[in-house]
Amino acid sequence: MPNLKLHIELNKGKRGIALDKLEKVVQEMRRFLESMADDIELVEPESWVSLDFTNGSLGFATEHPHDVAASKLSRFNDAIIALARSEFPNSIQRSTANKFFDLAATLERSETVEISVFDERHVSIPMQISYETYEVARRIKVLPWRESIGSIQGKIHSLYKESKDPHFTLRELSTENLIRCNYGPDVYPDVIRALSVNDQVIHVRGTIITDTRGHSVHHVNVSEIRLAKPYGYEDVKRFLGANGTDDR
């Protein structure tokens, strides 16, 4: 099975890098990679290691030491590629994307950094980021949103009950996207009830805020949570009977 690896080259064409800048870059990269690992549900999300250092302009790779499924490698790579284009991928939380753009914001305005991800055959996919990567993303973030009333089906991925604005992230079943769901005190008992059952599928109903640019859900202001009932053998029999194929 493959593992996740990200290569970065700083100060290309120059000699070395100032220590204060190196400290900022490494700190922001660590925050981003740990948040990304949590979003795609890797074991030990804080266990990234650095390796393959090169001299001159500073080049190095950071790697997650555990093997991952091909689907998670693809989600990781696709998210990095989208972020390098100043886009907000739906497969990760908006806060994780912002950590990547915080990394880009540490760069000088005239500076370009080369980054690469690697596919299953370890073939590199190179990209470039700059301070403009951050600026474009910041402009995109303020695009208008569309409100609608509806529901989304998924499983609770993580809960942030102690944050200033209590919310949980929902892993949508159909797309596997992570969606922020804001809730009030009246909905909190339903959140706890959903968490009491492992892998409980829920229906989240409320005001859905859609990104009009990417036609994707940005967040949901939750008014109601309903637990989905498990689909059992009796349901299968009723379905087959309704279609005239029940063997009775």
Protein backbone atom coordinates (compact mmCIF):
# COMPACT_ATOMS: atom_id res chain seq x y z
CA MET A 1 0.00 0.00 0.00
CA PRO A 2 1.23 3.55 -0.69
CA ASN A 3 1.99 6.26 1.84
CA LEU A 4 1.48 10.01 1.66
CA LYS A 5 4.40 12.25 0.77
CA LEU A 6 4.72 15.96 0.03
CA HIS A 7 7.95 17.51 -1.32
CA ILE A 8 8.68 21.21 -1.00
CA GLU A 9 11.54 23.37 -2.28
CA LEU A 10 12.10 26.82 -0.74
CA ASN A 11 14.34 29.70 -1.88
CA LYS A 12 14.87 28.09 -5.26
CA GLY A 13 18.06 29.37 -6.89
CA LYS A 14 19.31 30.89 -3.66
CA ARG A 15 21.61 29.66 -0.89
CA GLY A 16 19.97 28.56 2.36
CA ILE A 17 17.05 30.17 4.16
CA ALA A 18 16.70 32.48 7.16
CA LEU A 19 15.96 30.55 10.36
CA ASP A 20 12.94 32.66 11.33
CA LYS A 21 11.35 32.03 7.94
CA LEU A 22 12.16 28.32 8.11
CA GLU A 23 10.52 28.18 11.53
CA LYS A 24 7.33 29.82 10.23
CA VAL A 25 7.14 27.54 7.17
CA VAL A 26 7.65 24.35 9.17
CA GLN A 27 5.15 25.42 11.83
CA GLU A 28 2.42 26.21 9.29
CA MET A 29 3.16 23.03 7.33
CA ARG A 30 2.89 20.90 10.47
CA ARG A 31 -0.45 22.50 11.42
CA PHE A 32 -1.80 21.95 7.91
CA LEU A 33 -0.65 18.33 7.56
CA GLU A 34 -1.97 17.29 10.96
CA SER A 35 -5.35 18.86 10.18
CA MET A 36 -5.39 17.22 6.73
CA ALA A 37 -4.53 13.82 8.24
CA ASP A 38 -7.42 14.19 10.67
CA ASP A 39 -9.83 15.10 7.84
CA ILE A 40 -8.99 12.00 5.81
CA GLU A 41 -8.94 9.85 8.96
CA LEU A 42 -5.33 8.70 9.10
CA VAL A 43 -3.92 6.91 12.13
CA GLU A 44 -1.63 9.08 14.28
CA PRO A 45 -2.30 12.32 12.35
CA GLU A 46 0.61 14.06 14.12
CA SER A 47 3.23 11.49 13.06
CA TRP A 48 4.59 13.21 9.91
CA VAL A 49 8.38 13.01 9.45
CA SER A 50 10.79 15.03 7.27
CA LEU A 51 13.37 13.40 5.02
CA ASP A 52 15.27 13.68 1.70
CA PHE A 53 16.91 17.03 2.48
CA THR A 54 18.86 18.80 -0.30
CA ASN A 55 21.42 21.58 0.03
CA GLY A 56 21.53 25.01 -1.66
CA SER A 57 17.95 26.17 -1.87
CA LEU A 58 16.20 24.17 0.83
CA GLY A 59 14.38 21.11 -0.42
CA PHE A 60 12.86 18.35 1.69
CA ALA A 61 9.96 15.93 1.81
CA THR A 62 7.49 15.27 4.59
CA GLU A 63 5.90 11.86 4.77
CA HIS A 64 3.23 10.07 6.75
CA PRO A 65 4.99 6.91 7.95
CA HIS A 66 1.98 4.57 7.75
CA ASP A 67 0.59 2.90 4.65
CA VAL A 68 -2.76 4.23 3.46
CA ALA A 69 -5.49 3.00 1.15
CA ALA A 70 -5.31 4.17 -2.46
CA SER A 71 -8.55 6.13 -1.99
CA LYS A 72 -6.99 8.21 0.80
CA LEU A 73 -3.85 8.82 -1.27
CA SER A 74 -6.08 10.09 -4.07
CA ARG A 75 -8.05 12.35 -1.70
CA PHE A 76 -4.83 13.77 -0.27
CA ASN A 77 -3.30 14.45 -3.69
CA ASP A 78 -6.50 15.88 -5.17
CA ALA A 79 -6.86 18.23 -2.18
CA ILE A 80 -3.26 19.48 -2.48
CA ILE A 81 -3.66 20.06 -6.23
CA ALA A 82 -6.89 22.02 -5.65
CA LEU A 83 -5.30 24.08 -2.85
CA ALA A 84 -2.36 24.97 -5.10
CA ARG A 85 -4.98 26.42 -7.49
CA SER A 86 -6.37 28.54 -4.60
CA GLU A 87 -9.51 26.39 -4.41
CA PHE A 88 -11.29 25.11 -1.31
CA PRO A 89 -11.67 21.30 -1.69
CA ASN A 90 -14.89 19.81 -0.35
CA SER A 91 -13.03 16.70 0.89
CA ILE A 92 -11.42 18.65 3.75
CA GLN A 93 -12.60 21.21 6.27
CA ARG A 94 -12.45 24.90 5.39
CA SER A 95 -10.20 25.42 8.44
CA THR A 96 -7.72 22.88 7.03
CA ALA A 97 -7.64 24.67 3.69
CA ASN A 98 -7.00 27.96 5.48
CA LYS A 99 -3.97 26.40 7.18
CA PHE A 100 -2.53 25.69 3.72
CA PHE A 101 -3.15 29.28 2.68
CA ASP A 102 -1.54 30.45 5.93
CA LEU A 103 1.54 28.56 4.73
CA ALA A 104 1.41 30.39 1.38
CA ALA A 105 1.01 33.68 3.26
CA THR A 106 4.47 33.24 4.84
CA LEU A 107 6.09 33.66 1.41
CA GLU A 108 7.49 36.87 -0.04
CA ARG A 109 5.37 38.44 -2.79
CA SER A 110 8.01 37.71 -5.44
CA GLU A 111 8.73 34.20 -4.18
CA THR A 112 7.62 30.95 -5.81
CA VAL A 113 7.78 27.60 -4.02
CA GLU A 114 7.70 24.24 -5.75
CA ILE A 115 5.68 21.45 -4.15
CA SER A 116 5.00 17.91 -5.36
CA VAL A 117 2.74 15.02 -4.40
CA PHE A 118 3.28 11.43 -5.50
CA ASP A 119 0.92 8.88 -7.03
CA GLU A 120 0.74 5.13 -6.33
CA ARG A 121 3.77 4.49 -8.58
CA HIS A 122 5.68 7.23 -6.75
CA VAL A 123 5.60 9.47 -9.82
CA SER A 124 5.75 13.12 -8.74
CA ILE A 125 3.04 15.64 -9.60
CA PRO A 126 4.72 19.08 -9.39
CA MET A 127 2.98 22.41 -8.66
CA GLN A 128 3.90 25.92 -7.62
CA ILE A 129 2.52 28.14 -4.88
CA SER A 130 3.19 31.76 -4.01
CA TYR A 131 1.79 34.58 -1.90
CA GLU A 132 -0.77 35.05 -4.69
CA THR A 133 -2.09 31.55 -3.90
CA TYR A 134 -3.17 32.95 -0.53
CA GLU A 135 -4.53 36.22 -1.97
CA VAL A 136 -6.72 34.54 -4.58
CA ALA A 137 -8.13 32.13 -1.99
CA ARG A 138 -8.92 35.04 0.32
CA ARG A 139 -10.93 36.73 -2.46
CA ILE A 140 -12.78 33.51 -3.31
CA LYS A 141 -13.82 33.08 0.31
CA VAL A 142 -16.08 36.14 0.19
CA LEU A 143 -18.14 35.03 -2.82
CA PRO A 144 -21.93 35.20 -2.33
CA TRP A 145 -23.77 32.21 -0.88
CA ARG A 146 -27.21 30.78 -1.60
CA GLU A 147 -29.54 29.66 1.20
CA SER A 148 -32.03 26.81 0.97
CA ILE A 149 -33.92 24.50 3.33
CA GLY A 150 -33.08 20.82 3.03
CA SER A 151 -31.33 17.84 4.55
CA ILE A 152 -28.03 15.99 4.19
CA GLN A 153 -27.28 12.37 5.06
CA GLY A 154 -24.00 11.28 6.61
CA LYS A 155 -22.03 10.38 9.73
CA ILE A 156 -20.57 12.68 12.38
CA HIS A 157 -16.82 12.95 11.80
CA SER A 158 -15.83 15.26 14.67
CA LEU A 159 -17.47 17.42 17.35
CA TYR A 160 -16.41 20.90 18.50
CA LYS A 161 -18.74 21.57 21.42
CA GLU A 162 -16.29 23.84 23.28
CA SER A 163 -15.64 26.20 20.37
CA LYS A 164 -17.05 29.72 20.24
CA ASP A 165 -19.64 28.52 17.72
CA PRO A 166 -20.47 24.88 18.59
CA HIS A 167 -20.53 22.66 15.52
CA PHE A 168 -19.73 19.21 14.19
CA THR A 169 -18.43 18.07 10.85
CA LEU A 170 -20.52 15.63 8.86
CA ARG A 171 -19.01 13.11 6.43
CA GLU A 172 -21.62 13.14 3.66
CA LEU A 173 -22.39 9.59 2.47
CA SER A 174 -22.76 10.28 -1.24
CA THR A 175 -19.60 12.38 -1.72
CA GLU A 176 -17.50 11.76 1.46
CA ASN A 177 -17.16 15.55 1.71
CA LEU A 178 -16.79 17.11 5.15
CA ILE A 179 -19.52 19.65 5.90
CA ARG A 180 -19.63 21.98 8.88
CA CYS A 181 -22.92 21.78 10.79
CA ASN A 182 -23.67 24.57 13.28
CA TYR A 183 -26.10 23.68 16.05
CA GLY A 184 -27.82 25.33 19.03
CA PRO A 185 -28.48 24.07 22.57
CA ASP A 186 -31.81 22.52 21.58
CA VAL A 187 -30.10 20.24 19.02
CA TYR A 188 -27.21 19.18 21.29
CA PRO A 189 -29.10 16.20 22.85
CA ASP A 190 -29.67 14.80 19.35
CA VAL A 191 -25.94 15.15 18.59
CA ILE A 192 -25.09 13.13 21.71
CA ARG A 193 -27.72 10.54 20.81
CA ALA A 194 -26.18 10.15 17.35
CA LEU A 195 -22.68 9.76 18.82
CA SER A 196 -23.83 7.02 21.19
CA VAL A 197 -24.08 4.55 18.30
CA ASN A 198 -20.94 3.67 16.36
CA ASP A 199 -21.14 4.65 12.66
CA GLN A 200 -24.67 6.00 13.10
CA VAL A 201 -26.07 7.47 9.88
CA ILE A 202 -28.06 10.65 10.47
CA HIS A 203 -30.25 13.04 8.49
CA VAL A 204 -29.31 16.66 9.21
CA ARG A 205 -32.03 19.17 8.35
CA GLY A 206 -31.78 22.94 8.37
CA THR A 207 -30.63 25.95 6.36
CA ILE A 208 -28.05 24.84 3.79
CA ILE A 209 -25.53 27.47 2.67
CA THR A 210 -24.24 26.67 -0.82
CA ASP A 211 -21.12 28.07 -2.49
CA THR A 212 -22.49 29.45 -5.77
CA ARG A 213 -19.09 29.20 -7.44
CA GLY A 214 -18.41 25.52 -6.81
CA HIS A 215 -22.05 24.44 -6.38
CA SER A 216 -21.05 22.76 -3.12
CA VAL A 217 -22.36 22.91 0.44
CA HIS A 218 -20.39 25.33 2.59
CA HIS A 219 -22.18 24.70 5.91
CA VAL A 220 -25.53 23.85 7.46
CA ASN A 221 -27.35 25.68 10.27
CA VAL A 222 -29.00 22.67 11.87
CA SER A 223 -32.61 22.73 13.06
CA GLU A 224 -33.19 18.98 13.38
CA ILE A 225 -31.27 15.69 13.46
CA ARG A 226 -32.90 12.34 12.76
CA LEU A 227 -31.21 8.96 13.17
CA ALA A 228 -31.46 6.70 10.13
CA LYS A 229 -32.95 3.29 10.83
CA PRO A 230 -30.81 0.27 9.87
CA TYR A 231 -31.86 -1.61 6.75
CA GLY A 232 -32.51 -5.27 7.66
CA TYR A 233 -33.64 -8.57 6.19
CA GLU A 234 -37.34 -7.82 6.73
CA ASP A 235 -36.92 -4.67 4.63
CA VAL A 236 -35.41 -6.75 1.82
CA LYS A 237 -38.32 -9.20 1.95
CA ARG A 238 -40.86 -6.38 1.83
CA PHE A 239 -39.04 -4.84 -1.14
CA LEU A 240 -38.94 -8.12 -3.07
CA GLY A 241 -42.59 -8.76 -2.27
CA ALA A 242 -43.56 -5.34 -3.56
CA ASN A 243 -41.90 -6.19 -6.89
CA GLY A 244 -43.62 -9.55 -7.27
CA THR A 245 -40.49 -11.63 -6.80
CA ASP A 246 -41.05 -12.80 -3.21
CA ASP A 247 -40.74 -16.59 -3.01
CA ARG A 248 -43.73 -17.56 -0.86
